[in-house]
Amino acid sequence: MTGTYWFGKKDMLMIGFIAEAKKRELVLSGEVDEAVWVPVSQALKMVHPAGSVSHTLVEYYLNEQKGQKGLTG
């Protein structure tokens, strides 16, 4: 699932994607305040509420892992 999402609160276009990565030390850019590795089971607790880009992407990933296609709700 990839795509762009309008974030009206900050008047920004967000880009969302899901990717696989090997766990390594995270190196932050000037655009990122904080990044941490978390178990997928805890990911929804770490992102913004339902309706946000981050929540939508994590929810989609979790559903794919369970063999359910698409989003809930």
C-alpha atoms as a PDB file:
ATOM      1  CA  MET A   1       0.000   0.000   0.000  1.00  0.00           C
ATOM      2  CA  THR A   2       1.525   3.242  -1.073  1.00  0.00           C
ATOM      3  CA  GLY A   3       0.112   6.618  -1.787  1.00  0.00           C
ATOM      4  CA  THR A   4      -0.045  10.252  -0.960  1.00  0.00           C
ATOM      5  CA  TYR A   5      -2.280  11.704   1.719  1.00  0.00           C
ATOM      6  CA  TRP A   6      -3.257  15.326   2.306  1.00  0.00           C
ATOM      7  CA  PHE A   7      -2.554  16.491   5.866  1.00  0.00           C
ATOM      8  CA  GLY A   8      -4.648  19.646   6.093  1.00  0.00           C
ATOM      9  CA  LYS A   9      -3.695  20.519   9.672  1.00  0.00           C
ATOM     10  CA  LYS A  10      -0.147  21.385   8.563  1.00  0.00           C
ATOM     11  CA  ASP A  11      -0.997  22.009   4.897  1.00  0.00           C
ATOM     12  CA  MET A  12       1.305  19.172   3.788  1.00  0.00           C
ATOM     13  CA  LEU A  13       1.226  16.260   1.364  1.00  0.00           C
ATOM     14  CA  MET A  14       2.334  13.082   3.158  1.00  0.00           C
ATOM     15  CA  ILE A  15       3.791  10.047   1.390  1.00  0.00           C
ATOM     16  CA  GLY A  16       2.961   6.687   2.922  1.00  0.00           C
ATOM     17  CA  PHE A  17       4.565   3.348   2.195  1.00  0.00           C
ATOM     18  CA  ILE A  18       5.279  -0.060   3.698  1.00  0.00           C
ATOM     19  CA  ALA A  19       8.724  -1.599   3.301  1.00  0.00           C
ATOM     20  CA  GLU A  20      10.860  -4.316   4.818  1.00  0.00           C
ATOM     21  CA  ALA A  21      14.200  -3.444   6.405  1.00  0.00           C
ATOM     22  CA  LYS A  22      16.914  -5.215   8.294  1.00  0.00           C
ATOM     23  CA  LYS A  23      17.054  -4.020  11.875  1.00  0.00           C
ATOM     24  CA  ARG A  24      19.963  -1.633  12.139  1.00  0.00           C
ATOM     25  CA  GLU A  25      20.753   1.537  14.023  1.00  0.00           C
ATOM     26  CA  LEU A  26      18.447   4.318  12.849  1.00  0.00           C
ATOM     27  CA  VAL A  27      20.040   7.473  11.458  1.00  0.00           C
ATOM     28  CA  LEU A  28      17.727  10.490  11.591  1.00  0.00           C
ATOM     29  CA  SER A  29      17.492  13.229   8.994  1.00  0.00           C
ATOM     30  CA  GLY A  30      16.665  16.834   9.798  1.00  0.00           C
ATOM     31  CA  GLU A  31      13.000  16.085   9.018  1.00  0.00           C
ATOM     32  CA  VAL A  32      12.645  13.319  11.627  1.00  0.00           C
ATOM     33  CA  ASP A  33      12.503  14.083  15.358  1.00  0.00           C
ATOM     34  CA  GLU A  34      12.543  10.523  16.687  1.00  0.00           C
ATOM     35  CA  ALA A  35      12.582   6.936  15.403  1.00  0.00           C
ATOM     36  CA  VAL A  36      12.572   3.620  17.268  1.00  0.00           C
ATOM     37  CA  TRP A  37      12.189  -0.064  16.415  1.00  0.00           C
ATOM     38  CA  VAL A  38       9.087  -1.582  18.038  1.00  0.00           C
ATOM     39  CA  PRO A  39       7.473  -5.016  17.823  1.00  0.00           C
ATOM     40  CA  VAL A  40       4.669  -5.009  15.265  1.00  0.00           C
ATOM     41  CA  SER A  41       2.231  -5.990  18.025  1.00  0.00           C
ATOM     42  CA  GLN A  42       2.876  -2.612  19.713  1.00  0.00           C
ATOM     43  CA  ALA A  43       2.968  -0.462  16.579  1.00  0.00           C
ATOM     44  CA  LEU A  44      -0.642   0.823  16.707  1.00  0.00           C
ATOM     45  CA  LYS A  45      -0.016   2.122  20.238  1.00  0.00           C
ATOM     46  CA  MET A  46       2.948   4.149  18.954  1.00  0.00           C
ATOM     47  CA  VAL A  47       1.305   6.017  16.056  1.00  0.00           C
ATOM     48  CA  HIS A  48      -1.343   8.719  15.699  1.00  0.00           C
ATOM     49  CA  PRO A  49      -5.057   7.835  16.120  1.00  0.00           C
ATOM     50  CA  ALA A  50      -7.291   6.124  13.554  1.00  0.00           C
ATOM     51  CA  GLY A  51      -7.654   8.185  10.397  1.00  0.00           C
ATOM     52  CA  SER A  52      -4.012   9.258  10.355  1.00  0.00           C
ATOM     53  CA  VAL A  53      -1.587   8.106   7.661  1.00  0.00           C
ATOM     54  CA  SER A  54       0.595   6.277  10.182  1.00  0.00           C
ATOM     55  CA  HIS A  55      -2.357   4.437  11.742  1.00  0.00           C
ATOM     56  CA  THR A  56      -3.759   3.514   8.319  1.00  0.00           C
ATOM     57  CA  LEU A  57      -0.443   2.040   7.180  1.00  0.00           C
ATOM     58  CA  VAL A  58       0.128   0.041  10.378  1.00  0.00           C
ATOM     59  CA  GLU A  59      -3.463  -1.218  10.381  1.00  0.00           C
ATOM     60  CA  TYR A  60      -3.124  -2.289   6.733  1.00  0.00           C
ATOM     61  CA  TYR A  61       0.137  -4.120   7.471  1.00  0.00           C
ATOM     62  CA  LEU A  62      -1.341  -5.936  10.478  1.00  0.00           C
ATOM     63  CA  ASN A  63      -4.378  -7.009   8.443  1.00  0.00           C
ATOM     64  CA  GLU A  64      -2.113  -8.295   5.664  1.00  0.00           C
ATOM     65  CA  GLN A  65      -0.145 -10.316   8.225  1.00  0.00           C
ATOM     66  CA  LYS A  66      -3.394 -11.868   9.461  1.00  0.00           C
ATOM     67  CA  GLY A  67      -4.377 -12.733   5.893  1.00  0.00           C
ATOM     68  CA  GLN A  68      -7.125 -10.132   5.764  1.00  0.00           C
ATOM     69  CA  LYS A  69      -7.057  -7.884   2.729  1.00  0.00           C
ATOM     70  CA  GLY A  70      -7.708  -4.173   3.056  1.00  0.00           C
ATOM     71  CA  LEU A  71      -8.624  -1.944   5.967  1.00  0.00           C
ATOM     72  CA  THR A  72     -11.029  -2.446   8.837  1.00  0.00           C
ATOM     73  CA  GLY A  73     -13.880  -0.174   9.756  1.00  0.00           C
END
